[in-house]
Amino acid sequence: MEERGLRSTVELGPLLAERGVLLSDAQVYRLVQYIPERLSLKTLSALCDIFECTPNDLVIPYIEGAVQPVRAVPGAARRRHPAPESEPVVAELPEKFAPVKADLGPTRRRP
């Protein structure tokens, strides 16, 4: 924001409004200070226009819960063995397959 001459989030609100994105001062503050869970394309387009950039400059994609890669140990590439070729595991079912009936306890018959 400083590169574009904006010193606070309050200055960003009117620029967004000029582009048809109406956000309160609190919403603009949260947009700048926190990572939003979702963002409309209209807002993203307005931000790209204001900052003269592309969406790739503003958005960093990540997968929630993804495992971070482990740093390689020097020389590990030489010690690696190729993964064994394996065929997909397929469950074998008997020729006559019938589901097991659920046991619902004692049954009552109508008189």
PDB file of N, CA and C in Angstrom:
ATOM      1  N   MET A   1       0.827  -1.186   0.000  1.00  0.00           N
ATOM      2  CA  MET A   1       0.000   0.000   0.000  1.00  0.00           C
ATOM      3  C   MET A   1       0.871   1.249   0.000  1.00  0.00           C
ATOM      4  N   GLU A   2       1.984   1.196   0.727  1.00  0.00           N
ATOM      5  CA  GLU A   2       2.856   2.363   0.791  1.00  0.00           C
ATOM      6  C   GLU A   2       3.412   2.718  -0.580  1.00  0.00           C
ATOM      7  N   GLU A   3       3.688   1.700  -1.408  1.00  0.00           N
ATOM      8  CA  GLU A   3       4.220   1.959  -2.745  1.00  0.00           C
ATOM      9  C   GLU A   3       3.247   2.768  -3.586  1.00  0.00           C
ATOM     10  N   ARG A   4       1.956   2.664  -3.301  1.00  0.00           N
ATOM     11  CA  ARG A   4       0.924   3.400  -4.043  1.00  0.00           C
ATOM     12  C   ARG A   4       0.505   4.686  -3.331  1.00  0.00           C
ATOM     13  N   GLY A   5       1.190   5.048  -2.259  1.00  0.00           N
ATOM     14  CA  GLY A   5       0.892   6.294  -1.562  1.00  0.00           C
ATOM     15  C   GLY A   5      -0.245   6.197  -0.564  1.00  0.00           C
ATOM     16  N   LEU A   6      -0.673   4.980  -0.238  1.00  0.00           N
ATOM     17  CA  LEU A   6      -1.738   4.794   0.745  1.00  0.00           C
ATOM     18  C   LEU A   6      -1.098   4.507   2.097  1.00  0.00           C
ATOM     19  N   ARG A   7      -1.393   5.362   3.077  1.00  0.00           N
ATOM     20  CA  ARG A   7      -0.779   5.191   4.390  1.00  0.00           C
ATOM     21  C   ARG A   7      -1.668   4.463   5.375  1.00  0.00           C
ATOM     22  N   SER A   8      -2.958   4.371   5.080  1.00  0.00           N
ATOM     23  CA  SER A   8      -3.867   3.673   5.993  1.00  0.00           C
ATOM     24  C   SER A   8      -4.983   3.005   5.198  1.00  0.00           C
ATOM     25  N   THR A   9      -5.675   2.107   5.874  1.00  0.00           N
ATOM     26  CA  THR A   9      -6.771   1.400   5.213  1.00  0.00           C
ATOM     27  C   THR A   9      -7.943   2.328   4.928  1.00  0.00           C
ATOM     28  N   VAL A  10      -8.046   3.427   5.670  1.00  0.00           N
ATOM     29  CA  VAL A  10      -9.144   4.381   5.462  1.00  0.00           C
ATOM     30  C   VAL A  10      -9.044   4.997   4.066  1.00  0.00           C
ATOM     31  N   GLU A  11      -7.840   5.161   3.556  1.00  0.00           N
ATOM     32  CA  GLU A  11      -7.654   5.737   2.223  1.00  0.00           C
ATOM     33  C   GLU A  11      -8.021   4.749   1.116  1.00  0.00           C
ATOM     34  N   LEU A  12      -8.031   3.468   1.429  1.00  0.00           N
ATOM     35  CA  LEU A  12      -8.353   2.449   0.432  1.00  0.00           C
ATOM     36  C   LEU A  12      -9.858   2.361   0.174  1.00  0.00           C
ATOM     37  N   GLY A  13     -10.678   2.631   1.189  1.00  0.00           N
ATOM     38  CA  GLY A  13     -12.135   2.536   1.067  1.00  0.00           C
ATOM     39  C   GLY A  13     -12.713   3.336  -0.086  1.00  0.00           C
ATOM     40  N   PRO A  14     -12.392   4.647  -0.205  1.00  0.00           N
ATOM     41  CA  PRO A  14     -12.930   5.429  -1.322  1.00  0.00           C
ATOM     42  C   PRO A  14     -12.473   4.929  -2.698  1.00  0.00           C
ATOM     43  N   LEU A  15     -11.252   4.430  -2.780  1.00  0.00           N
ATOM     44  CA  LEU A  15     -10.770   3.900  -4.061  1.00  0.00           C
ATOM     45  C   LEU A  15     -11.554   2.652  -4.465  1.00  0.00           C
ATOM     46  N   LEU A  16     -11.893   1.828  -3.479  1.00  0.00           N
ATOM     47  CA  LEU A  16     -12.733   0.661  -3.765  1.00  0.00           C
ATOM     48  C   LEU A  16     -14.135   1.100  -4.166  1.00  0.00           C
ATOM     49  N   ALA A  17     -14.676   2.117  -3.472  1.00  0.00           N
ATOM     50  CA  ALA A  17     -16.027   2.608  -3.774  1.00  0.00           C
ATOM     51  C   ALA A  17     -16.104   3.160  -5.198  1.00  0.00           C
ATOM     52  N   GLU A  18     -15.044   3.820  -5.665  1.00  0.00           N
ATOM     53  CA  GLU A  18     -15.013   4.333  -7.041  1.00  0.00           C
ATOM     54  C   GLU A  18     -15.158   3.201  -8.056  1.00  0.00           C
ATOM     55  N   ARG A  19     -14.761   2.019  -7.665  1.00  0.00           N
ATOM     56  CA  ARG A  19     -14.810   0.863  -8.557  1.00  0.00           C
ATOM     57  C   ARG A  19     -16.011  -0.030  -8.265  1.00  0.00           C
ATOM     58  N   GLY A  20     -16.951   0.460  -7.467  1.00  0.00           N
ATOM     59  CA  GLY A  20     -18.189  -0.262  -7.205  1.00  0.00           C
ATOM     60  C   GLY A  20     -18.141  -1.256  -6.069  1.00  0.00           C
ATOM     61  N   VAL A  21     -17.084  -1.239  -5.268  1.00  0.00           N
ATOM     62  CA  VAL A  21     -16.970  -2.145  -4.125  1.00  0.00           C
ATOM     63  C   VAL A  21     -17.208  -1.326  -2.866  1.00  0.00           C
ATOM     64  N   LEU A  22     -18.366  -1.513  -2.252  1.00  0.00           N
ATOM     65  CA  LEU A  22     -18.734  -0.738  -1.070  1.00  0.00           C
ATOM     66  C   LEU A  22     -18.471  -1.558   0.185  1.00  0.00           C
ATOM     67  N   LEU A  23     -17.430  -1.187   0.911  1.00  0.00           N
ATOM     68  CA  LEU A  23     -17.061  -1.856   2.153  1.00  0.00           C
ATOM     69  C   LEU A  23     -16.947  -0.822   3.262  1.00  0.00           C
ATOM     70  N   SER A  24     -17.303  -1.224   4.477  1.00  0.00           N
ATOM     71  CA  SER A  24     -17.140  -0.326   5.623  1.00  0.00           C
ATOM     72  C   SER A  24     -15.654  -0.212   5.951  1.00  0.00           C
ATOM     73  N   ASP A  25     -15.311   0.784   6.777  1.00  0.00           N
ATOM     74  CA  ASP A  25     -13.915   0.946   7.194  1.00  0.00           C
ATOM     75  C   ASP A  25     -13.405  -0.310   7.896  1.00  0.00           C
ATOM     76  N   ALA A  26     -14.269  -0.934   8.712  1.00  0.00           N
ATOM     77  CA  ALA A  26     -13.877  -2.150   9.431  1.00  0.00           C
ATOM     78  C   ALA A  26     -13.623  -3.300   8.453  1.00  0.00           C
ATOM     79  N   GLN A  27     -14.453  -3.413   7.417  1.00  0.00           N
ATOM     80  CA  GLN A  27     -14.267  -4.480   6.431  1.00  0.00           C
ATOM     81  C   GLN A  27     -12.971  -4.285   5.641  1.00  0.00           C
ATOM     82  N   VAL A  28     -12.677  -3.034   5.286  1.00  0.00           N
ATOM     83  CA  VAL A  28     -11.434  -2.746   4.564  1.00  0.00           C
ATOM     84  C   VAL A  28     -10.238  -3.073   5.452  1.00  0.00           C
ATOM     85  N   TYR A  29     -10.326  -2.717   6.731  1.00  0.00           N
ATOM     86  CA  TYR A  29      -9.243  -3.010   7.675  1.00  0.00           C
ATOM     87  C   TYR A  29      -9.001  -4.518   7.755  1.00  0.00           C
ATOM     88  N   ARG A  30     -10.088  -5.302   7.898  1.00  0.00           N
ATOM     89  CA  ARG A  30      -9.942  -6.761   7.985  1.00  0.00           C
ATOM     90  C   ARG A  30      -9.393  -7.341   6.681  1.00  0.00           C
ATOM     91  N   LEU A  31      -9.798  -6.764   5.555  1.00  0.00           N
ATOM     92  CA  LEU A  31      -9.318  -7.228   4.256  1.00  0.00           C
ATOM     93  C   LEU A  31      -7.805  -7.061   4.136  1.00  0.00           C
ATOM     94  N   VAL A  32      -7.293  -5.956   4.690  1.00  0.00           N
ATOM     95  CA  VAL A  32      -5.859  -5.666   4.593  1.00  0.00           C
ATOM     96  C   VAL A  32      -5.058  -6.395   5.669  1.00  0.00           C
ATOM     97  N   GLN A  33      -5.581  -6.448   6.881  1.00  0.00           N
ATOM     98  CA  GLN A  33      -4.808  -6.966   8.013  1.00  0.00           C
ATOM     99  C   GLN A  33      -4.850  -8.483   8.159  1.00  0.00           C
ATOM    100  N   TYR A  34      -5.899  -9.126   7.685  1.00  0.00           N
ATOM    101  CA  TYR A  34      -6.068 -10.563   7.878  1.00  0.00           C
ATOM    102  C   TYR A  34      -6.206 -11.255   6.529  1.00  0.00           C
ATOM    103  N   ILE A  35      -5.981 -12.553   6.508  1.00  0.00           N
ATOM    104  CA  ILE A  35      -6.174 -13.337   5.290  1.00  0.00           C
ATOM    105  C   ILE A  35      -7.662 -13.676   5.198  1.00  0.00           C
ATOM    106  N   PRO A  36      -8.367 -13.148   4.179  1.00  0.00           N
ATOM    107  CA  PRO A  36      -9.800 -13.447   4.069  1.00  0.00           C
ATOM    108  C   PRO A  36     -10.038 -14.893   3.642  1.00  0.00           C
ATOM    109  N   GLU A  37     -11.119 -15.481   4.176  1.00  0.00           N
ATOM    110  CA  GLU A  37     -11.476 -16.843   3.778  1.00  0.00           C
ATOM    111  C   GLU A  37     -12.016 -16.863   2.354  1.00  0.00           C
ATOM    112  N   ARG A  38     -12.721 -15.808   1.979  1.00  0.00           N
ATOM    113  CA  ARG A  38     -13.225 -15.686   0.616  1.00  0.00           C
ATOM    114  C   ARG A  38     -13.127 -14.228   0.188  1.00  0.00           C
ATOM    115  N   LEU A  39     -13.115 -14.063  -1.130  1.00  0.00           N
ATOM    116  CA  LEU A  39     -12.967 -12.731  -1.700  1.00  0.00           C
ATOM    117  C   LEU A  39     -13.695 -12.736  -3.034  1.00  0.00           C
ATOM    118  N   SER A  40     -14.591 -11.777  -3.233  1.00  0.00           N
ATOM    119  CA  SER A  40     -15.331 -11.749  -4.491  1.00  0.00           C
ATOM    120  C   SER A  40     -14.396 -11.329  -5.623  1.00  0.00           C
ATOM    121  N   LEU A  41     -14.725 -11.774  -6.823  1.00  0.00           N
ATOM    122  CA  LEU A  41     -13.914 -11.400  -7.979  1.00  0.00           C
ATOM    123  C   LEU A  41     -13.976  -9.902  -8.229  1.00  0.00           C
ATOM    124  N   LYS A  42     -15.106  -9.294  -7.897  1.00  0.00           N
ATOM    125  CA  LYS A  42     -15.241  -7.846  -8.068  1.00  0.00           C
ATOM    126  C   LYS A  42     -14.249  -7.110  -7.162  1.00  0.00           C
ATOM    127  N   THR A  43     -14.135  -7.555  -5.909  1.00  0.00           N
ATOM    128  CA  THR A  43     -13.190  -6.938  -4.977  1.00  0.00           C
ATOM    129  C   THR A  43     -11.760  -7.199  -5.427  1.00  0.00           C
ATOM    130  N   LEU A  44     -11.473  -8.420  -5.845  1.00  0.00           N
ATOM    131  CA  LEU A  44     -10.131  -8.749  -6.314  1.00  0.00           C
ATOM    132  C   LEU A  44      -9.763  -7.914  -7.538  1.00  0.00           C
ATOM    133  N   SER A  45     -10.703  -7.751  -8.462  1.00  0.00           N
ATOM    134  CA  SER A  45     -10.457  -6.940  -9.659  1.00  0.00           C
ATOM    135  C   SER A  45     -10.194  -5.487  -9.291  1.00  0.00           C
ATOM    136  N   ALA A  46     -10.964  -4.969  -8.329  1.00  0.00           N
ATOM    137  CA  ALA A  46     -10.772  -3.585  -7.895  1.00  0.00           C
ATOM    138  C   ALA A  46      -9.400  -3.405  -7.250  1.00  0.00           C
ATOM    139  N   LEU A  47      -8.997  -4.349  -6.414  1.00  0.00           N
ATOM    140  CA  LEU A  47      -7.682  -4.262  -5.774  1.00  0.00           C
ATOM    141  C   LEU A  47      -6.564  -4.326  -6.814  1.00  0.00           C
ATOM    142  N   CYS A  48      -6.724  -5.189  -7.813  1.00  0.00           N
ATOM    143  CA  CYS A  48      -5.719  -5.280  -8.873  1.00  0.00           C
ATOM    144  C   CYS A  48      -5.632  -3.975  -9.655  1.00  0.00           C
ATOM    145  N   ASP A  49      -6.773  -3.340  -9.890  1.00  0.00           N
ATOM    146  CA  ASP A  49      -6.789  -2.064 -10.602  1.00  0.00           C
ATOM    147  C   ASP A  49      -6.131  -0.968  -9.765  1.00  0.00           C
ATOM    148  N   ILE A  50      -6.441  -0.922  -8.481  1.00  0.00           N
ATOM    149  CA  ILE A  50      -5.880   0.103  -7.593  1.00  0.00           C
ATOM    150  C   ILE A  50      -4.362  -0.037  -7.493  1.00  0.00           C
ATOM    151  N   PHE A  51      -3.893  -1.257  -7.311  1.00  0.00           N
ATOM    152  CA  PHE A  51      -2.463  -1.483  -7.099  1.00  0.00           C
ATOM    153  C   PHE A  51      -1.704  -1.793  -8.391  1.00  0.00           C
ATOM    154  N   GLU A  52      -2.423  -1.765  -9.533  1.00  0.00           N
ATOM    155  CA  GLU A  52      -1.825  -2.016 -10.840  1.00  0.00           C
ATOM    156  C   GLU A  52      -0.997  -3.304 -10.822  1.00  0.00           C
ATOM    157  N   CYS A  53      -1.678  -4.386 -10.470  1.00  0.00           N
ATOM    158  CA  CYS A  53      -1.003  -5.676 -10.367  1.00  0.00           C
ATOM    159  C   CYS A  53      -1.936  -6.770 -10.867  1.00  0.00           C
ATOM    160  N   THR A  54      -1.492  -8.000 -10.776  1.00  0.00           N
ATOM    161  CA  THR A  54      -2.303  -9.144 -11.174  1.00  0.00           C
ATOM    162  C   THR A  54      -2.773  -9.880  -9.919  1.00  0.00           C
ATOM    163  N   PRO A  55      -3.775 -10.758 -10.042  1.00  0.00           N
ATOM    164  CA  PRO A  55      -4.199 -11.543  -8.878  1.00  0.00           C
ATOM    165  C   PRO A  55      -3.061 -12.368  -8.277  1.00  0.00           C
ATOM    166  N   ASN A  56      -2.115 -12.817  -9.103  1.00  0.00           N
ATOM    167  CA  ASN A  56      -0.979 -13.586  -8.583  1.00  0.00           C
ATOM    168  C   ASN A  56      -0.125 -12.772  -7.624  1.00  0.00           C
ATOM    169  N   ASP A  57      -0.138 -11.450  -7.767  1.00  0.00           N
ATOM    170  CA  ASP A  57       0.626 -10.600  -6.857  1.00  0.00           C
ATOM    171  C   ASP A  57      -0.060 -10.467  -5.503  1.00  0.00           C
ATOM    172  N   LEU A  58      -1.374 -10.688  -5.461  1.00  0.00           N
ATOM    173  CA  LEU A  58      -2.139 -10.496  -4.226  1.00  0.00           C
ATOM    174  C   LEU A  58      -2.493 -11.795  -3.516  1.00  0.00           C
ATOM    175  N   VAL A  59      -2.654 -12.869  -4.266  1.00  0.00           N
ATOM    176  CA  VAL A  59      -3.148 -14.120  -3.700  1.00  0.00           C
ATOM    177  C   VAL A  59      -2.030 -15.162  -3.694  1.00  0.00           C
ATOM    178  N   ILE A  60      -1.816 -15.761  -2.534  1.00  0.00           N
ATOM    179  CA  ILE A  60      -0.856 -16.854  -2.409  1.00  0.00           C
ATOM    180  C   ILE A  60      -1.662 -18.121  -2.143  1.00  0.00           C
ATOM    181  N   PRO A  61      -1.748 -19.025  -3.129  1.00  0.00           N
ATOM    182  CA  PRO A  61      -2.546 -20.238  -2.922  1.00  0.00           C
ATOM    183  C   PRO A  61      -1.872 -21.184  -1.934  1.00  0.00           C
ATOM    184  N   TYR A  62      -2.685 -21.845  -1.132  1.00  0.00           N
ATOM    185  CA  TYR A  62      -2.180 -22.871  -0.217  1.00  0.00           C
ATOM    186  C   TYR A  62      -3.281 -23.879   0.014  1.00  0.00           C
ATOM    187  N   ILE A  63      -2.889 -25.055   0.427  1.00  0.00           N
ATOM    188  CA  ILE A  63      -3.847 -26.108   0.733  1.00  0.00           C
ATOM    189  C   ILE A  63      -3.879 -26.258   2.234  1.00  0.00           C
ATOM    190  N   GLU A  64      -5.050 -26.066   2.814  1.00  0.00           N
ATOM    191  CA  GLU A  64      -5.180 -26.158   4.262  1.00  0.00           C
ATOM    192  C   GLU A  64      -4.888 -27.580   4.715  1.00  0.00           C
ATOM    193  N   GLY A  65      -4.036 -27.702   5.702  1.00  0.00           N
ATOM    194  CA  GLY A  65      -3.691 -29.006   6.240  1.00  0.00           C
ATOM    195  C   GLY A  65      -2.646 -29.751   5.427  1.00  0.00           C
ATOM    196  N   ALA A  66      -2.065 -29.081   4.430  1.00  0.00           N
ATOM    197  CA  ALA A  66      -1.056 -29.743   3.612  1.00  0.00           C
ATOM    198  C   ALA A  66       0.224 -29.941   4.415  1.00  0.00           C
ATOM    199  N   VAL A  67       0.906 -31.014   4.131  1.00  0.00           N
ATOM    200  CA  VAL A  67       2.167 -31.309   4.804  1.00  0.00           C
ATOM    201  C   VAL A  67       3.275 -30.523   4.117  1.00  0.00           C
ATOM    202  N   GLN A  68       4.078 -29.833   4.907  1.00  0.00           N
ATOM    203  CA  GLN A  68       5.190 -29.076   4.358  1.00  0.00           C
ATOM    204  C   GLN A  68       6.294 -30.039   3.934  1.00  0.00           C
ATOM    205  N   PRO A  69       6.961 -29.762   2.810  1.00  0.00           N
ATOM    206  CA  PRO A  69       8.037 -30.654   2.383  1.00  0.00           C
ATOM    207  C   PRO A  69       9.193 -30.631   3.380  1.00  0.00           C
ATOM    208  N   VAL A  70       9.827 -31.771   3.528  1.00  0.00           N
ATOM    209  CA  VAL A  70      10.954 -31.899   4.445  1.00  0.00           C
ATOM    210  C   VAL A  70      12.230 -31.553   3.695  1.00  0.00           C
ATOM    211  N   ARG A  71      13.112 -30.806   4.343  1.00  0.00           N
ATOM    212  CA  ARG A  71      14.373 -30.430   3.722  1.00  0.00           C
ATOM    213  C   ARG A  71      15.214 -31.690   3.505  1.00  0.00           C
ATOM    214  N   ALA A  72      15.773 -31.806   2.323  1.00  0.00           N
ATOM    215  CA  ALA A  72      16.544 -33.000   1.976  1.00  0.00           C
ATOM    216  C   ALA A  72      17.884 -33.008   2.706  1.00  0.00           C
ATOM    217  N   VAL A  73      18.319 -34.188   3.045  1.00  0.00           N
ATOM    218  CA  VAL A  73      19.624 -34.377   3.671  1.00  0.00           C
ATOM    219  C   VAL A  73      20.661 -34.455   2.560  1.00  0.00           C
ATOM    220  N   PRO A  74      21.825 -33.793   2.701  1.00  0.00           N
ATOM    221  CA  PRO A  74      22.842 -33.875   1.647  1.00  0.00           C
ATOM    222  C   PRO A  74      23.196 -35.325   1.333  1.00  0.00           C
ATOM    223  N   GLY A  75      23.228 -35.654   0.051  1.00  0.00           N
ATOM    224  CA  GLY A  75      23.567 -37.002  -0.378  1.00  0.00           C
ATOM    225  C   GLY A  75      22.397 -37.967  -0.373  1.00  0.00           C
ATOM    226  N   ALA A  76      21.211 -37.506   0.027  1.00  0.00           N
ATOM    227  CA  ALA A  76      20.063 -38.405   0.109  1.00  0.00           C
ATOM    228  C   ALA A  76      19.650 -38.913  -1.264  1.00  0.00           C
ATOM    229  N   ALA A  77      19.849 -38.112  -2.298  1.00  0.00           N
ATOM    230  CA  ALA A  77      19.452 -38.526  -3.642  1.00  0.00           C
ATOM    231  C   ALA A  77      20.242 -39.749  -4.093  1.00  0.00           C
ATOM    232  N   ARG A  78      21.491 -39.864  -3.681  1.00  0.00           N
ATOM    233  CA  ARG A  78      22.305 -41.018  -4.079  1.00  0.00           C
ATOM    234  C   ARG A  78      21.851 -42.288  -3.378  1.00  0.00           C
ATOM    235  N   ARG A  79      21.292 -42.150  -2.176  1.00  0.00           N
ATOM    236  CA  ARG A  79      20.914 -43.324  -1.394  1.00  0.00           C
ATOM    237  C   ARG A  79      19.508 -43.806  -1.687  1.00  0.00           C
ATOM    238  N   ARG A  80      18.737 -43.016  -2.400  1.00  0.00           N
ATOM    239  CA  ARG A  80      17.352 -43.390  -2.656  1.00  0.00           C
ATOM    240  C   ARG A  80      17.274 -44.601  -3.549  1.00  0.00           C
ATOM    241  N   HIS A  81      16.348 -45.464  -3.233  1.00  0.00           N
ATOM    242  CA  HIS A  81      16.083 -46.634  -4.056  1.00  0.00           C
ATOM    243  C   HIS A  81      14.783 -46.378  -4.795  1.00  0.00           C
ATOM    244  N   PRO A  82      14.678 -46.814  -6.029  1.00  0.00           N
ATOM    245  CA  PRO A  82      13.422 -46.589  -6.750  1.00  0.00           C
ATOM    246  C   PRO A  82      12.271 -47.312  -6.061  1.00  0.00           C
ATOM    247  N   ALA A  83      11.121 -46.696  -6.116  1.00  0.00           N
ATOM    248  CA  ALA A  83       9.930 -47.289  -5.502  1.00  0.00           C
ATOM    249  C   ALA A  83       9.551 -48.553  -6.266  1.00  0.00           C
ATOM    250  N   PRO A  84       9.188 -49.614  -5.541  1.00  0.00           N
ATOM    251  CA  PRO A  84       8.827 -50.855  -6.236  1.00  0.00           C
ATOM    252  C   PRO A  84       7.541 -50.659  -7.032  1.00  0.00           C
ATOM    253  N   GLU A  85       7.531 -51.274  -8.199  1.00  0.00           N
ATOM    254  CA  GLU A  85       6.330 -51.230  -9.026  1.00  0.00           C
ATOM    255  C   GLU A  85       5.292 -52.130  -8.370  1.00  0.00           C
ATOM    256  N   SER A  86       4.147 -51.610  -8.066  1.00  0.00           N
ATOM    257  CA  SER A  86       3.122 -52.435  -7.442  1.00  0.00           C
ATOM    258  C   SER A  86       1.812 -52.266  -8.191  1.00  0.00           C
ATOM    259  N   GLU A  87       1.029 -53.320  -8.169  1.00  0.00           N
ATOM    260  CA  GLU A  87      -0.268 -53.282  -8.817  1.00  0.00           C
ATOM    261  C   GLU A  87      -1.297 -52.789  -7.815  1.00  0.00           C
ATOM    262  N   PRO A  88      -2.377 -52.193  -8.290  1.00  0.00           N
ATOM    263  CA  PRO A  88      -3.401 -51.718  -7.367  1.00  0.00           C
ATOM    264  C   PRO A  88      -4.007 -52.870  -6.572  1.00  0.00           C
ATOM    265  N   VAL A  89      -4.342 -52.605  -5.335  1.00  0.00           N
ATOM    266  CA  VAL A  89      -4.936 -53.619  -4.469  1.00  0.00           C
ATOM    267  C   VAL A  89      -6.428 -53.688  -4.769  1.00  0.00           C
ATOM    268  N   VAL A  90      -6.899 -54.889  -5.093  1.00  0.00           N
ATOM    269  CA  VAL A  90      -8.310 -55.089  -5.394  1.00  0.00           C
ATOM    270  C   VAL A  90      -8.837 -56.139  -4.428  1.00  0.00           C
ATOM    271  N   ALA A  91      -9.920 -55.814  -3.750  1.00  0.00           N
ATOM    272  CA  ALA A  91     -10.519 -56.764  -2.806  1.00  0.00           C
ATOM    273  C   ALA A  91     -11.211 -57.872  -3.587  1.00  0.00           C
ATOM    274  N   GLU A  92     -11.006 -59.098  -3.142  1.00  0.00           N
ATOM    275  CA  GLU A  92     -11.658 -60.235  -3.783  1.00  0.00           C
ATOM    276  C   GLU A  92     -12.884 -60.610  -2.964  1.00  0.00           C
ATOM    277  N   LEU A  93     -14.024 -60.711  -3.643  1.00  0.00           N
ATOM    278  CA  LEU A  93     -15.278 -61.063  -2.992  1.00  0.00           C
ATOM    279  C   LEU A  93     -15.659 -62.478  -3.385  1.00  0.00           C
ATOM    280  N   PRO A  94     -16.373 -63.181  -2.494  1.00  0.00           N
ATOM    281  CA  PRO A  94     -16.839 -64.516  -2.869  1.00  0.00           C
ATOM    282  C   PRO A  94     -17.812 -64.419  -4.041  1.00  0.00           C
ATOM    283  N   GLU A  95     -17.989 -65.557  -4.741  1.00  0.00           N
ATOM    284  CA  GLU A  95     -18.871 -65.552  -5.900  1.00  0.00           C
ATOM    285  C   GLU A  95     -20.282 -65.122  -5.531  1.00  0.00           C
ATOM    286  N   LYS A  96     -20.782 -65.652  -4.428  1.00  0.00           N
ATOM    287  CA  LYS A  96     -22.114 -65.261  -3.969  1.00  0.00           C
ATOM    288  C   LYS A  96     -21.924 -64.366  -2.759  1.00  0.00           C
ATOM    289  N   PHE A  97     -22.150 -63.111  -2.972  1.00  0.00           N
ATOM    290  CA  PHE A  97     -21.956 -62.146  -1.894  1.00  0.00           C
ATOM    291  C   PHE A  97     -23.308 -61.635  -1.430  1.00  0.00           C
ATOM    292  N   ALA A  98     -23.577 -61.789  -0.159  1.00  0.00           N
ATOM    293  CA  ALA A  98     -24.828 -61.285   0.411  1.00  0.00           C
ATOM    294  C   ALA A  98     -24.488 -60.501   1.669  1.00  0.00           C
ATOM    295  N   PRO A  99     -25.068 -59.332   1.820  1.00  0.00           N
ATOM    296  CA  PRO A  99     -24.786 -58.562   3.025  1.00  0.00           C
ATOM    297  C   PRO A  99     -25.340 -59.264   4.258  1.00  0.00           C
ATOM    298  N   VAL A 100     -24.697 -59.056   5.377  1.00  0.00           N
ATOM    299  CA  VAL A 100     -25.132 -59.651   6.639  1.00  0.00           C
ATOM    300  C   VAL A 100     -26.287 -58.823   7.177  1.00  0.00           C
ATOM    301  N   LYS A 101     -27.363 -59.514   7.605  1.00  0.00           N
ATOM    302  CA  LYS A 101     -28.510 -58.802   8.153  1.00  0.00           C
ATOM    303  C   LYS A 101     -28.158 -58.220   9.509  1.00  0.00           C
ATOM    304  N   ALA A 102     -28.674 -57.060   9.767  1.00  0.00           N
ATOM    305  CA  ALA A 102     -28.427 -56.404  11.051  1.00  0.00           C
ATOM    306  C   ALA A 102     -29.260 -57.062  12.135  1.00  0.00           C
ATOM    307  N   ASP A 103     -28.681 -57.205  13.320  1.00  0.00           N
ATOM    308  CA  ASP A 103     -29.392 -57.771  14.465  1.00  0.00           C
ATOM    309  C   ASP A 103     -30.051 -56.619  15.209  1.00  0.00           C
ATOM    310  N   LEU A 104     -31.363 -56.541  15.137  1.00  0.00           N
ATOM    311  CA  LEU A 104     -32.099 -55.452  15.772  1.00  0.00           C
ATOM    312  C   LEU A 104     -32.653 -55.837  17.132  1.00  0.00           C
ATOM    313  N   GLY A 105     -32.226 -56.946  17.652  1.00  0.00           N
ATOM    314  CA  GLY A 105     -32.705 -57.377  18.962  1.00  0.00           C
ATOM    315  C   GLY A 105     -34.001 -58.147  18.834  1.00  0.00           C
ATOM    316  N   PRO A 106     -34.669 -58.407  19.970  1.00  0.00           N
ATOM    317  CA  PRO A 106     -35.923 -59.170  19.914  1.00  0.00           C
ATOM    318  C   PRO A 106     -36.985 -58.400  19.128  1.00  0.00           C
ATOM    319  N   THR A 107     -37.680 -59.128  18.293  1.00  0.00           N
ATOM    320  CA  THR A 107     -38.733 -58.494  17.501  1.00  0.00           C
ATOM    321  C   THR A 107     -40.085 -58.772  18.136  1.00  0.00           C
ATOM    322  N   ARG A 108     -40.973 -57.840  18.003  1.00  0.00           N
ATOM    323  CA  ARG A 108     -42.333 -58.010  18.533  1.00  0.00           C
ATOM    324  C   ARG A 108     -43.268 -58.205  17.357  1.00  0.00           C
ATOM    325  N   ARG A 109     -44.121 -59.193  17.494  1.00  0.00           N
ATOM    326  CA  ARG A 109     -45.099 -59.443  16.439  1.00  0.00           C
ATOM    327  C   ARG A 109     -46.431 -58.855  16.861  1.00  0.00           C
ATOM    328  N   ARG A 110     -47.170 -58.455  15.874  1.00  0.00           N
ATOM    329  CA  ARG A 110     -48.508 -57.939  16.163  1.00  0.00           C
ATOM    330  C   ARG A 110     -49.415 -59.088  16.554  1.00  0.00           C
ATOM    331  N   PRO A 111     -50.277 -58.861  17.528  1.00  0.00           N
ATOM    332  CA  PRO A 111     -51.204 -59.946  17.932  1.00  0.00           C
ATOM    333  C   PRO A 111     -52.260 -60.217  16.891  1.00  0.00           C
TER     334      PRO A 111
END
